[in-house]
């Protein structure tokens, strides 16, 4: 799925919480902890599609568990 990003939005990788997507310390998608618990709230760095819930758009619940995650970076 591809979402429209806002200025300065992107991915940040932190050793203590895992990959995050958004801007600065306002994360749209955050994966943390040893059990890969996650939190979703679209709108900080990526546009939330109209007529959907910003907290449950991907999985139907927030927080939610991630069993596998792949992150790709495009170098321009």
C-alpha atoms as a PDB file:
ATOM      1  CA  UNK A   1       0.000   0.000   0.000  1.00  0.00           C
ATOM      2  CA  UNK A   2       1.326   3.443  -0.850  1.00  0.00           C
ATOM      3  CA  UNK A   3       0.323   6.519   1.159  1.00  0.00           C
ATOM      4  CA  UNK A   4       0.971  10.143   0.261  1.00  0.00           C
ATOM      5  CA  UNK A   5       3.696  11.582   2.481  1.00  0.00           C
ATOM      6  CA  UNK A   6       3.765  15.069   3.917  1.00  0.00           C
ATOM      7  CA  UNK A   7       6.944  17.227   3.838  1.00  0.00           C
ATOM      8  CA  UNK A   8       9.810  15.761   5.892  1.00  0.00           C
ATOM      9  CA  UNK A   9       7.966  12.478   6.487  1.00  0.00           C
ATOM     10  CA  UNK A  10       9.739   9.176   6.205  1.00  0.00           C
ATOM     11  CA  UNK A  11      11.186   6.232   8.069  1.00  0.00           C
ATOM     12  CA  UNK A  12      13.374   6.435  11.123  1.00  0.00           C
ATOM     13  CA  UNK A  13      15.096   3.442  12.680  1.00  0.00           C
ATOM     14  CA  UNK A  14      15.823   3.374  16.383  1.00  0.00           C
ATOM     15  CA  UNK A  15      17.692   0.618  18.209  1.00  0.00           C
ATOM     16  CA  UNK A  16      15.321   0.702  21.192  1.00  0.00           C
ATOM     17  CA  UNK A  17      11.934   0.860  19.425  1.00  0.00           C
ATOM     18  CA  UNK A  18      12.380  -0.393  15.867  1.00  0.00           C
ATOM     19  CA  UNK A  19      11.233   1.210  12.610  1.00  0.00           C
ATOM     20  CA  UNK A  20       8.979   4.236  12.810  1.00  0.00           C
ATOM     21  CA  UNK A  21       7.166   6.077  10.050  1.00  0.00           C
ATOM     22  CA  UNK A  22       6.153   9.732  10.340  1.00  0.00           C
ATOM     23  CA  UNK A  23       7.867  12.986  11.270  1.00  0.00           C
ATOM     24  CA  UNK A  24      10.266  13.764  14.138  1.00  0.00           C
ATOM     25  CA  UNK A  25       8.665  12.284  17.277  1.00  0.00           C
ATOM     26  CA  UNK A  26       5.115  12.127  15.869  1.00  0.00           C
ATOM     27  CA  UNK A  27       4.792   8.663  14.414  1.00  0.00           C
ATOM     28  CA  UNK A  28       2.100   7.382  12.086  1.00  0.00           C
ATOM     29  CA  UNK A  29       3.320   3.804  12.514  1.00  0.00           C
ATOM     30  CA  UNK A  30       5.502   2.685  15.400  1.00  0.00           C
ATOM     31  CA  UNK A  31       6.859  -0.835  16.054  1.00  0.00           C
ATOM     32  CA  UNK A  32       8.425  -1.406  19.457  1.00  0.00           C
ATOM     33  CA  UNK A  33       9.327  -3.980  22.080  1.00  0.00           C
ATOM     34  CA  UNK A  34      10.473  -7.562  21.994  1.00  0.00           C
ATOM     35  CA  UNK A  35       6.983  -8.770  21.093  1.00  0.00           C
ATOM     36  CA  UNK A  36       6.743  -6.308  18.184  1.00  0.00           C
ATOM     37  CA  UNK A  37       3.671  -4.540  19.494  1.00  0.00           C
ATOM     38  CA  UNK A  38       2.657  -1.682  17.246  1.00  0.00           C
ATOM     39  CA  UNK A  39       0.679   1.506  17.263  1.00  0.00           C
ATOM     40  CA  UNK A  40      -0.946   3.217  14.284  1.00  0.00           C
ATOM     41  CA  UNK A  41      -2.215   6.770  13.930  1.00  0.00           C
ATOM     42  CA  UNK A  42      -2.104   8.156  10.384  1.00  0.00           C
ATOM     43  CA  UNK A  43      -2.005  11.888   9.745  1.00  0.00           C
ATOM     44  CA  UNK A  44       1.269  13.140  11.206  1.00  0.00           C
ATOM     45  CA  UNK A  45       3.580  12.335   8.309  1.00  0.00           C
ATOM     46  CA  UNK A  46       1.340  10.491   5.892  1.00  0.00           C
ATOM     47  CA  UNK A  47      -2.095  11.472   4.626  1.00  0.00           C
ATOM     48  CA  UNK A  48      -4.920   9.359   5.956  1.00  0.00           C
ATOM     49  CA  UNK A  49      -7.361   8.344   3.205  1.00  0.00           C
ATOM     50  CA  UNK A  50     -10.788   9.930   3.493  1.00  0.00           C
ATOM     51  CA  UNK A  51     -13.558   8.124   5.359  1.00  0.00           C
ATOM     52  CA  UNK A  52     -11.279   5.695   7.232  1.00  0.00           C
ATOM     53  CA  UNK A  53     -10.251   5.480  10.887  1.00  0.00           C
ATOM     54  CA  UNK A  54      -6.680   6.759  11.302  1.00  0.00           C
ATOM     55  CA  UNK A  55      -6.050   4.294  14.164  1.00  0.00           C
ATOM     56  CA  UNK A  56      -7.412   1.107  12.645  1.00  0.00           C
ATOM     57  CA  UNK A  57      -6.940   1.524   8.882  1.00  0.00           C
ATOM     58  CA  UNK A  58      -4.375  -1.271   8.377  1.00  0.00           C
ATOM     59  CA  UNK A  59      -5.301  -3.887  10.942  1.00  0.00           C
ATOM     60  CA  UNK A  60      -8.659  -3.064  12.500  1.00  0.00           C
ATOM     61  CA  UNK A  61      -7.082  -2.369  15.920  1.00  0.00           C
ATOM     62  CA  UNK A  62      -4.401  -0.270  17.584  1.00  0.00           C
ATOM     63  CA  UNK A  63      -2.238  -1.412  19.259  1.00  0.00           C
ATOM     64  CA  UNK A  64      -1.695  -4.582  17.249  1.00  0.00           C
ATOM     65  CA  UNK A  65       0.949  -7.304  17.014  1.00  0.00           C
ATOM     66  CA  UNK A  66       3.381  -7.662  14.118  1.00  0.00           C
ATOM     67  CA  UNK A  67       4.635 -11.145  13.325  1.00  0.00           C
ATOM     68  CA  UNK A  68       6.858 -10.156  10.385  1.00  0.00           C
ATOM     69  CA  UNK A  69       8.020  -6.829   8.991  1.00  0.00           C
ATOM     70  CA  UNK A  70      10.060  -5.918   5.939  1.00  0.00           C
ATOM     71  CA  UNK A  71      11.225  -2.342   5.393  1.00  0.00           C
ATOM     72  CA  UNK A  72      12.550  -1.113   2.070  1.00  0.00           C
ATOM     73  CA  UNK A  73      14.297   2.160   1.321  1.00  0.00           C
ATOM     74  CA  UNK A  74      14.454   3.693  -2.142  1.00  0.00           C
ATOM     75  CA  UNK A  75      17.682   5.581  -2.804  1.00  0.00           C
ATOM     76  CA  UNK A  76      17.235   8.320  -5.362  1.00  0.00           C
END
